[in-house]
């Protein structure tokens, strides 16, 4: 049964019993569509509470959460990109472990990303062949391995002479991770081919 008919039936059931009252009264018939429309708007509003499905209130949510921020890419963002960034910021659970950063990247739409941490020991003449080659300072560095689908731009025939032979990088992912990274660490981004 459609919603308008359900409301018409419910309004008719609220009438007192007796021959003076008619369940098909014009007033009830006129109120039922308005109540059904109000019910539908209430359901639509429930979708607006989730940043992954927000449409009408996205500007308000972005204003409350301080978006767009310095990590927003230049130009116009799609609604889906705005939702992903809003979801990543509002549902930030916190943590300084590998899983936390991978969850943030996944919320932004980056899948297949891995993180490499460098060993904390220094290679010396007494080290075995499988020991790390990195010095103690490398314990403050960690590497984010971005998948091949990430933007890589080669130099072309119409590029300027001062352009790089190749440019790569995803400013949104880099900005977000650099903001979330502990202040004593350095993030290296590696773009795989």
Protein backbone atom coordinates (compact mmCIF):
# COMPACT_ATOMS: atom_id res chain seq x y z
CA UNK A 1 0.00 0.00 0.00
CA UNK A 2 1.37 3.41 -0.92
CA UNK A 3 2.19 5.91 1.82
CA UNK A 4 -0.66 8.34 0.99
CA UNK A 5 -3.21 5.52 1.24
CA UNK A 6 -1.67 4.39 4.53
CA UNK A 7 -2.01 7.90 5.99
CA UNK A 8 -5.59 8.16 4.71
CA UNK A 9 -6.37 4.85 6.47
CA UNK A 10 -4.62 5.93 9.70
CA UNK A 11 -6.44 9.29 9.77
CA UNK A 12 -9.75 7.48 9.22
CA UNK A 13 -8.97 5.18 12.14
CA UNK A 14 -8.52 8.22 14.41
CA UNK A 15 -12.11 9.40 13.87
CA UNK A 16 -14.68 8.70 16.60
CA UNK A 17 -17.09 5.88 15.87
CA UNK A 18 -20.54 6.69 14.60
CA UNK A 19 -22.60 7.52 11.54
CA UNK A 20 -21.64 11.22 11.60
CA UNK A 21 -18.04 10.50 10.62
CA UNK A 22 -16.90 9.36 7.18
CA UNK A 23 -13.46 7.78 6.65
CA UNK A 24 -13.50 9.18 3.09
CA UNK A 25 -13.94 12.75 4.32
CA UNK A 26 -12.38 15.38 2.01
CA UNK A 27 -10.36 16.85 4.87
CA UNK A 28 -8.72 13.49 5.54
CA UNK A 29 -8.21 12.88 1.84
CA UNK A 30 -6.54 16.31 1.58
CA UNK A 31 -4.28 15.84 4.63
CA UNK A 32 -2.96 12.40 3.68
CA UNK A 33 -0.74 13.52 0.73
CA UNK A 34 0.83 16.27 2.86
CA UNK A 35 1.60 13.82 5.66
CA UNK A 36 3.03 11.32 3.17
CA UNK A 37 5.26 14.04 1.69
CA UNK A 38 6.39 15.07 5.18
CA UNK A 39 7.18 11.41 5.93
CA UNK A 40 9.28 11.20 2.74
CA UNK A 41 11.20 14.37 3.63
CA UNK A 42 11.89 12.92 7.07
CA UNK A 43 13.34 9.81 5.46
CA UNK A 44 15.44 11.95 3.11
CA UNK A 45 16.70 13.98 6.06
CA UNK A 46 17.93 10.81 7.74
CA UNK A 47 20.22 10.25 4.72
CA UNK A 48 21.63 13.74 5.28
CA UNK A 49 23.01 12.74 8.69
CA UNK A 50 25.56 10.40 7.08
CA UNK A 51 28.52 12.20 5.43
CA UNK A 52 28.74 9.39 2.86
CA UNK A 53 25.26 10.19 1.51
CA UNK A 54 24.79 13.90 2.33
CA UNK A 55 23.62 16.11 -0.53
CA UNK A 56 21.50 19.04 0.62
CA UNK A 57 23.46 19.82 3.80
CA UNK A 58 26.99 19.25 2.48
CA UNK A 59 27.84 22.97 2.47
CA UNK A 60 26.79 23.25 6.12
CA UNK A 61 28.74 20.14 7.13
CA UNK A 62 31.85 21.41 5.33
CA UNK A 63 31.56 24.77 7.08
CA UNK A 64 31.26 23.10 10.49
CA UNK A 65 34.24 20.80 9.88
CA UNK A 66 36.51 23.46 8.35
CA UNK A 67 36.39 22.19 4.77
CA UNK A 68 37.58 22.86 2.17
CA UNK A 69 40.98 23.27 3.77
CA UNK A 70 44.48 23.57 2.39
CA UNK A 71 44.34 19.91 1.30
CA UNK A 72 41.51 20.50 -1.17
CA UNK A 73 42.64 20.03 -4.77
CA UNK A 74 42.51 23.01 -7.11
CA UNK A 75 39.39 23.37 -9.22
CA UNK A 76 35.94 21.95 -8.79
CA UNK A 77 35.46 18.78 -6.76
CA UNK A 78 32.74 16.27 -7.50
CA UNK A 79 30.06 15.59 -4.92
CA UNK A 80 31.59 12.16 -4.27
CA UNK A 81 35.05 13.65 -3.64
CA UNK A 82 33.56 16.16 -1.22
CA UNK A 83 31.68 13.38 0.58
CA UNK A 84 34.83 11.26 0.87
CA UNK A 85 36.86 14.13 2.33
CA UNK A 86 34.03 15.02 4.74
CA UNK A 87 33.65 11.39 5.83
CA UNK A 88 37.39 11.04 6.37
CA UNK A 89 37.50 14.17 8.51
CA UNK A 90 34.32 13.63 10.56
CA UNK A 91 34.91 9.96 11.26
CA UNK A 92 38.55 10.42 12.25
CA UNK A 93 38.97 7.93 15.05
CA UNK A 94 42.56 8.78 15.88
CA UNK A 95 45.66 6.71 16.30
CA UNK A 96 49.23 6.71 15.10
CA UNK A 97 49.51 3.27 13.64
CA UNK A 98 49.68 1.93 10.11
CA UNK A 99 46.05 0.77 10.07
CA UNK A 100 44.83 4.29 10.97
CA UNK A 101 46.59 5.92 8.01
CA UNK A 102 45.46 3.19 5.62
CA UNK A 103 41.85 3.70 6.81
CA UNK A 104 42.16 7.43 6.15
CA UNK A 105 43.43 6.82 2.63
CA UNK A 106 40.67 4.29 2.00
CA UNK A 107 38.06 6.79 3.19
CA UNK A 108 39.47 9.22 0.62
CA UNK A 109 39.10 6.59 -2.10
CA UNK A 110 42.67 5.27 -2.29
CA UNK A 111 42.85 1.48 -2.25
CA UNK A 112 45.85 -0.78 -2.60
CA UNK A 113 48.10 1.56 -0.61
CA UNK A 114 50.81 0.07 1.60
CA UNK A 115 53.12 1.59 4.18
CA UNK A 116 56.79 0.76 4.64
CA UNK A 117 58.53 1.46 7.92
CA UNK A 118 62.29 1.40 8.12
CA UNK A 119 64.16 -0.71 10.62
CA UNK A 120 65.31 1.08 13.73
CA UNK A 121 68.75 -0.49 13.90
CA UNK A 122 71.92 0.74 12.27
CA UNK A 123 74.01 -1.43 9.97
CA UNK A 124 77.55 -1.94 11.34
CA UNK A 125 80.48 -4.22 10.63
CA UNK A 126 79.05 -6.66 13.22
CA UNK A 127 75.62 -6.77 11.53
CA UNK A 128 74.43 -9.81 9.62
CA UNK A 129 73.61 -9.56 5.94
CA UNK A 130 69.88 -9.26 6.55
CA UNK A 131 70.16 -6.26 8.90
CA UNK A 132 68.92 -2.84 7.85
CA UNK A 133 71.15 -0.46 5.93
CA UNK A 134 69.55 2.62 7.42
CA UNK A 135 70.91 4.81 10.16
CA UNK A 136 69.06 5.57 13.39
CA UNK A 137 67.50 8.70 11.90
CA UNK A 138 65.47 6.55 9.48
CA UNK A 139 63.23 5.41 12.32
CA UNK A 140 61.48 8.79 11.93
CA UNK A 141 60.73 8.17 8.24
CA UNK A 142 57.93 6.09 6.79
CA UNK A 143 57.00 5.50 3.18
CA UNK A 144 53.53 5.46 1.63
CA UNK A 145 53.46 3.27 -1.48
CA UNK A 146 50.73 4.60 -3.76
CA UNK A 147 49.27 2.27 -6.43
CA UNK A 148 49.91 2.57 -10.14
CA UNK A 149 46.53 4.26 -10.70
CA UNK A 150 47.79 7.41 -8.98
CA UNK A 151 48.36 10.43 -11.19
CA UNK A 152 51.69 10.39 -13.08
CA UNK A 153 52.18 13.11 -15.72
CA UNK A 154 55.03 12.77 -18.25
CA UNK A 155 56.48 15.67 -20.24
CA UNK A 156 54.94 15.94 -23.70
CA UNK A 157 55.73 17.76 -26.95
CA UNK A 158 53.52 20.68 -25.89
CA UNK A 159 55.10 21.05 -22.44
CA UNK A 160 57.25 24.06 -21.59
CA UNK A 161 61.02 23.68 -21.69
CA UNK A 162 61.17 24.38 -17.94
CA UNK A 163 58.67 21.62 -17.08
CA UNK A 164 59.86 18.48 -15.34
CA UNK A 165 60.42 15.39 -17.47
CA UNK A 166 57.91 13.66 -15.26
CA UNK A 167 55.63 14.80 -12.47
CA UNK A 168 53.74 12.65 -10.04
CA UNK A 169 51.91 13.06 -6.85
CA UNK A 170 48.50 13.34 -5.33
CA UNK A 171 48.27 16.58 -3.44
CA UNK A 172 45.14 15.58 -1.51
CA UNK A 173 46.57 12.33 -0.13
CA UNK A 174 49.94 13.93 0.60
CA UNK A 175 48.42 16.93 2.37
CA UNK A 176 46.06 14.84 4.52
CA UNK A 177 48.77 12.39 5.61
CA UNK A 178 51.28 15.15 6.32
CA UNK A 179 48.68 16.87 8.53
CA UNK A 180 47.89 13.65 10.39
CA UNK A 181 51.47 12.38 10.70
CA UNK A 182 53.17 12.78 14.07
CA UNK A 183 55.21 15.98 14.11
CA UNK A 184 58.52 14.18 14.67
CA UNK A 185 58.15 11.96 11.58
CA UNK A 186 58.67 12.44 7.85
CA UNK A 187 56.46 10.88 5.19
CA UNK A 188 57.92 9.76 1.87
CA UNK A 189 55.47 9.13 -0.97
CA UNK A 190 56.38 6.49 -3.54
CA UNK A 191 54.30 6.27 -6.70
CA UNK A 192 54.43 2.80 -8.21
CA UNK A 193 54.19 2.17 -11.94
